[in-house]
Amino acid sequence: TEDRRISLYPAQEEAALELVQGRHVILATPTGSGKSLVALAAHADALAHDAVSYYTAPIKALVSEKFFALVDVFGAENVGMV
């Protein structure tokens, strides 16, 4: 597999750590600041614990874009659309 090393912004790191500790997080940062990466961490944590997670977005095109991105990361068998 390809090595995907990334550096997190402080807000991303803090939010992801809170999520994997079972805490609720509201992440309000500007566009392009990496909120989607934090959502990926939440989805990965849910999968690791045999739980379900939901990704919501305000625009249909964004929902479709994120759906296919999640399929790329987690596989079609682990992603659905409601």
Protein backbone atom coordinates (compact mmCIF):
# COMPACT_ATOMS: atom_id res chain seq x y z
CA THR A 1 0.00 0.00 0.00
CA GLU A 2 0.97 3.58 -0.51
CA ASP A 3 2.30 5.50 2.49
CA ARG A 4 -0.10 8.39 3.14
CA ARG A 5 1.68 10.48 5.74
CA ILE A 6 -0.05 13.76 6.41
CA SER A 7 0.42 16.62 8.83
CA LEU A 8 -2.67 17.73 10.70
CA TYR A 9 -3.59 21.28 11.55
CA PRO A 10 -3.94 21.78 15.33
CA ALA A 11 -7.76 21.97 15.11
CA GLN A 12 -7.85 18.71 13.13
CA GLU A 13 -5.62 16.91 15.59
CA GLU A 14 -7.57 18.13 18.61
CA ALA A 15 -10.94 17.24 17.07
CA ALA A 16 -9.83 13.78 15.91
CA LEU A 17 -8.39 12.95 19.34
CA GLU A 18 -11.62 14.02 21.03
CA LEU A 19 -13.69 11.90 18.63
CA VAL A 20 -11.70 8.72 19.14
CA GLN A 21 -12.11 9.21 22.89
CA GLY A 22 -15.87 9.12 22.41
CA ARG A 23 -16.49 12.81 22.87
CA HIS A 24 -18.79 14.95 20.74
CA VAL A 25 -17.16 17.65 18.62
CA ILE A 26 -18.37 20.71 16.75
CA LEU A 27 -15.63 21.82 14.38
CA ALA A 28 -16.23 25.32 13.02
CA THR A 29 -13.28 26.26 10.85
CA PRO A 30 -13.03 28.02 7.47
CA THR A 31 -13.55 26.36 4.11
CA GLY A 32 -10.47 24.40 3.11
CA SER A 33 -9.24 23.91 6.66
CA GLY A 34 -9.65 20.14 6.73
CA LYS A 35 -13.01 19.40 8.31
CA SER A 36 -13.53 16.49 5.90
CA LEU A 37 -10.38 14.81 7.19
CA VAL A 38 -11.76 14.97 10.72
CA ALA A 39 -14.97 13.40 9.41
CA LEU A 40 -12.88 10.58 7.93
CA ALA A 41 -11.37 9.99 11.35
CA ALA A 42 -14.87 9.78 12.84
CA HIS A 43 -15.94 7.29 10.18
CA ALA A 44 -12.81 5.19 10.68
CA ASP A 45 -13.40 5.13 14.42
CA ALA A 46 -17.02 4.06 13.90
CA LEU A 47 -15.95 1.23 11.59
CA ALA A 48 -13.31 0.10 14.08
CA HIS A 49 -16.03 -0.19 16.73
CA ASP A 50 -18.61 -1.84 14.44
CA ALA A 51 -20.76 1.28 14.66
CA VAL A 52 -22.57 3.40 12.09
CA SER A 53 -21.69 6.98 11.21
CA TYR A 54 -23.45 9.53 9.01
CA TYR A 55 -22.01 12.29 6.84
CA THR A 56 -24.39 15.11 5.99
CA ALA A 57 -23.90 18.02 3.62
CA PRO A 58 -26.10 20.94 2.57
CA ILE A 59 -25.69 20.50 -1.20
CA LYS A 60 -26.58 17.41 -3.24
CA ALA A 61 -23.43 17.68 -5.37
CA LEU A 62 -21.28 17.75 -2.24
CA VAL A 63 -23.09 14.68 -0.88
CA SER A 64 -22.28 12.80 -4.08
CA GLU A 65 -18.65 13.95 -4.04
CA LYS A 66 -18.15 12.88 -0.43
CA PHE A 67 -19.94 9.56 -1.01
CA PHE A 68 -17.47 8.55 -3.71
CA ALA A 69 -14.53 9.82 -1.66
CA LEU A 70 -15.67 7.66 1.28
CA VAL A 71 -16.03 4.65 -1.03
CA ASP A 72 -12.45 5.21 -2.20
CA VAL A 73 -11.19 5.22 1.38
CA PHE A 74 -13.38 2.63 3.10
CA GLY A 75 -14.65 0.46 0.23
CA ALA A 76 -18.15 0.19 -1.22
CA GLU A 77 -19.14 -2.49 1.28
CA ASN A 78 -18.65 -0.01 4.15
CA VAL A 79 -20.39 3.04 2.68
CA GLY A 80 -24.02 3.69 1.81
CA MET A 81 -26.21 6.60 0.83
CA VAL A 82 -29.57 7.43 2.42
